[in-house]
Amino acid sequence: MSGEIDIYGVYVPNLLALMVATLLVSLVVRRVLAFLGVYALVWHRGLFDIALYVVLLQGMSLLSQWWLS
């Protein structure tokens, strides 16, 4: 497996594609958490959002490795 994805002749690193996909998933998860009122229990929303993004990025990375193998 190469470290790049070909999108109409433009080579994009796998990590960049995963980061964009994770950003979209993160936006949805954050909306759901805000709707459920979870942020009322969080001390620092910005730190929580960054930690959530990192956890989701790791999950997407593991999922992509499993999917492509």
N, C-alpha and C. Protein backbone atom coordinates (compact mmCIF):
# COMPACT_ATOMS: atom_id res chain seq x y z
N MET A 1 0.85 -1.18 0.00
CA MET A 1 0.00 0.00 0.00
C MET A 1 0.89 1.24 0.00
N SER A 2 0.59 2.15 -0.90
CA SER A 2 1.37 3.39 -0.94
C SER A 2 0.83 4.37 0.08
N GLY A 3 1.59 5.41 0.34
CA GLY A 3 1.19 6.40 1.32
C GLY A 3 0.39 7.54 0.73
N GLU A 4 -0.13 7.35 -0.51
CA GLU A 4 -0.84 8.43 -1.18
C GLU A 4 -2.10 7.90 -1.85
N ILE A 5 -3.06 8.79 -2.01
CA ILE A 5 -4.30 8.48 -2.72
C ILE A 5 -4.35 9.37 -3.95
N ASP A 6 -4.69 8.80 -5.10
CA ASP A 6 -4.78 9.55 -6.33
C ASP A 6 -6.21 10.04 -6.51
N ILE A 7 -6.40 11.37 -6.46
CA ILE A 7 -7.71 11.98 -6.67
C ILE A 7 -7.62 12.83 -7.92
N TYR A 8 -8.06 12.28 -9.03
CA TYR A 8 -8.05 12.96 -10.33
C TYR A 8 -6.67 13.52 -10.67
N GLY A 9 -5.65 12.73 -10.45
CA GLY A 9 -4.29 13.13 -10.81
C GLY A 9 -3.55 13.89 -9.73
N VAL A 10 -4.19 14.20 -8.63
CA VAL A 10 -3.55 14.90 -7.53
C VAL A 10 -3.30 13.87 -6.43
N TYR A 11 -2.05 13.71 -6.05
CA TYR A 11 -1.71 12.75 -5.01
C TYR A 11 -1.84 13.41 -3.64
N VAL A 12 -2.67 12.81 -2.81
CA VAL A 12 -2.96 13.33 -1.48
C VAL A 12 -2.48 12.30 -0.46
N PRO A 13 -1.73 12.72 0.56
CA PRO A 13 -1.29 11.77 1.58
C PRO A 13 -2.49 11.13 2.29
N ASN A 14 -2.32 9.86 2.66
CA ASN A 14 -3.39 9.15 3.36
C ASN A 14 -3.82 9.87 4.64
N LEU A 15 -2.84 10.37 5.37
CA LEU A 15 -3.15 11.04 6.62
C LEU A 15 -4.02 12.28 6.40
N LEU A 16 -3.75 13.03 5.35
CA LEU A 16 -4.55 14.22 5.07
C LEU A 16 -5.99 13.84 4.74
N ALA A 17 -6.17 12.79 3.95
CA ALA A 17 -7.52 12.33 3.62
C ALA A 17 -8.24 11.85 4.88
N LEU A 18 -7.52 11.15 5.75
CA LEU A 18 -8.12 10.69 7.01
C LEU A 18 -8.48 11.86 7.91
N MET A 19 -7.64 12.88 7.94
CA MET A 19 -7.91 14.04 8.77
C MET A 19 -9.16 14.79 8.30
N VAL A 20 -9.34 14.91 7.00
CA VAL A 20 -10.53 15.59 6.47
C VAL A 20 -11.78 14.77 6.79
N ALA A 21 -11.70 13.45 6.58
CA ALA A 21 -12.84 12.58 6.88
C ALA A 21 -13.17 12.62 8.37
N THR A 22 -12.14 12.63 9.21
CA THR A 22 -12.35 12.69 10.65
C THR A 22 -12.95 14.02 11.06
N LEU A 23 -12.59 15.10 10.39
CA LEU A 23 -13.17 16.40 10.70
C LEU A 23 -14.68 16.39 10.46
N LEU A 24 -15.09 15.78 9.36
CA LEU A 24 -16.52 15.69 9.07
C LEU A 24 -17.25 14.84 10.10
N VAL A 25 -16.65 13.72 10.48
CA VAL A 25 -17.26 12.86 11.51
C VAL A 25 -17.29 13.60 12.84
N SER A 26 -16.22 14.32 13.14
CA SER A 26 -16.15 15.06 14.40
C SER A 26 -17.22 16.14 14.49
N LEU A 27 -17.51 16.80 13.39
CA LEU A 27 -18.56 17.82 13.40
C LEU A 27 -19.91 17.22 13.74
N VAL A 28 -20.19 16.05 13.20
CA VAL A 28 -21.45 15.38 13.48
C VAL A 28 -21.51 14.95 14.94
N VAL A 29 -20.42 14.36 15.44
CA VAL A 29 -20.38 13.90 16.83
C VAL A 29 -20.52 15.08 17.79
N ARG A 30 -19.87 16.19 17.48
CA ARG A 30 -19.97 17.37 18.34
C ARG A 30 -21.39 17.92 18.39
N ARG A 31 -22.08 17.91 17.25
CA ARG A 31 -23.48 18.36 17.23
C ARG A 31 -24.35 17.46 18.09
N VAL A 32 -24.13 16.15 18.00
CA VAL A 32 -24.90 15.21 18.81
C VAL A 32 -24.62 15.41 20.30
N LEU A 33 -23.35 15.60 20.65
CA LEU A 33 -22.99 15.83 22.05
C LEU A 33 -23.60 17.13 22.57
N ALA A 34 -23.61 18.16 21.74
CA ALA A 34 -24.22 19.43 22.16
C ALA A 34 -25.73 19.27 22.34
N PHE A 35 -26.36 18.52 21.45
CA PHE A 35 -27.80 18.29 21.56
C PHE A 35 -28.15 17.51 22.82
N LEU A 36 -27.30 16.54 23.18
CA LEU A 36 -27.54 15.72 24.36
C LEU A 36 -27.17 16.44 25.66
N GLY A 37 -26.49 17.56 25.57
CA GLY A 37 -26.13 18.32 26.77
C GLY A 37 -24.88 17.81 27.47
N VAL A 38 -24.04 17.08 26.77
CA VAL A 38 -22.83 16.54 27.37
C VAL A 38 -21.83 17.65 27.70
N TYR A 39 -21.85 18.72 26.92
CA TYR A 39 -20.89 19.80 27.14
C TYR A 39 -21.12 20.53 28.47
N ALA A 40 -22.26 20.35 29.05
CA ALA A 40 -22.49 20.94 30.38
C ALA A 40 -21.64 20.26 31.44
N LEU A 41 -21.21 19.05 31.18
CA LEU A 41 -20.38 18.29 32.12
C LEU A 41 -18.88 18.42 31.85
N VAL A 42 -18.54 19.13 30.78
CA VAL A 42 -17.13 19.24 30.35
C VAL A 42 -16.54 20.53 30.91
N TRP A 43 -15.32 20.43 31.45
CA TRP A 43 -14.67 21.58 32.04
C TRP A 43 -14.21 22.58 30.97
N HIS A 44 -13.53 22.09 29.92
CA HIS A 44 -12.97 22.97 28.89
C HIS A 44 -13.34 22.39 27.53
N ARG A 45 -14.29 23.03 26.88
CA ARG A 45 -14.85 22.48 25.65
C ARG A 45 -13.80 22.35 24.54
N GLY A 46 -12.91 23.31 24.41
CA GLY A 46 -11.89 23.26 23.37
C GLY A 46 -10.95 22.08 23.52
N LEU A 47 -10.50 21.84 24.75
CA LEU A 47 -9.63 20.69 25.01
C LEU A 47 -10.37 19.38 24.76
N PHE A 48 -11.62 19.34 25.16
CA PHE A 48 -12.43 18.15 24.94
C PHE A 48 -12.60 17.87 23.45
N ASP A 49 -12.84 18.92 22.67
CA ASP A 49 -13.02 18.74 21.23
C ASP A 49 -11.74 18.25 20.56
N ILE A 50 -10.59 18.78 20.97
CA ILE A 50 -9.32 18.32 20.40
C ILE A 50 -9.05 16.87 20.78
N ALA A 51 -9.31 16.51 22.03
CA ALA A 51 -9.12 15.12 22.45
C ALA A 51 -10.08 14.19 21.71
N LEU A 52 -11.31 14.64 21.51
CA LEU A 52 -12.28 13.85 20.75
C LEU A 52 -11.80 13.65 19.32
N TYR A 53 -11.26 14.70 18.71
CA TYR A 53 -10.75 14.60 17.34
C TYR A 53 -9.60 13.61 17.25
N VAL A 54 -8.68 13.65 18.21
CA VAL A 54 -7.54 12.74 18.19
C VAL A 54 -8.01 11.29 18.35
N VAL A 55 -8.96 11.06 19.23
CA VAL A 55 -9.49 9.71 19.43
C VAL A 55 -10.19 9.22 18.16
N LEU A 56 -10.99 10.09 17.54
CA LEU A 56 -11.67 9.72 16.31
C LEU A 56 -10.69 9.49 15.17
N LEU A 57 -9.62 10.28 15.11
CA LEU A 57 -8.60 10.09 14.07
C LEU A 57 -7.91 8.74 14.23
N GLN A 58 -7.61 8.36 15.46
CA GLN A 58 -7.01 7.05 15.70
C GLN A 58 -7.97 5.94 15.28
N GLY A 59 -9.24 6.10 15.62
CA GLY A 59 -10.23 5.09 15.23
C GLY A 59 -10.38 5.00 13.72
N MET A 60 -10.40 6.13 13.05
CA MET A 60 -10.50 6.12 11.58
C MET A 60 -9.26 5.50 10.95
N SER A 61 -8.09 5.74 11.56
CA SER A 61 -6.86 5.15 11.06
C SER A 61 -6.89 3.62 11.18
N LEU A 62 -7.32 3.14 12.34
CA LEU A 62 -7.42 1.69 12.53
C LEU A 62 -8.47 1.09 11.62
N LEU A 63 -9.58 1.79 11.43
CA LEU A 63 -10.63 1.31 10.56
C LEU A 63 -10.16 1.25 9.11
N SER A 64 -9.39 2.24 8.67
CA SER A 64 -8.90 2.23 7.29
C SER A 64 -7.86 1.13 7.08
N GLN A 65 -7.03 0.87 8.08
CA GLN A 65 -6.07 -0.22 7.95
C GLN A 65 -6.79 -1.57 7.85
N TRP A 66 -7.85 -1.74 8.64
CA TRP A 66 -8.61 -2.98 8.60
C TRP A 66 -9.34 -3.11 7.26
N TRP A 67 -9.91 -2.00 6.77
CA TRP A 67 -10.68 -2.01 5.54
C TRP A 67 -9.80 -2.33 4.34
N LEU A 68 -8.59 -1.79 4.31
CA LEU A 68 -7.72 -1.96 3.15
C LEU A 68 -6.89 -3.23 3.18
N SER A 69 -6.93 -3.97 4.28
CA SER A 69 -6.13 -5.20 4.34
C SER A 69 -6.89 -6.40 3.84
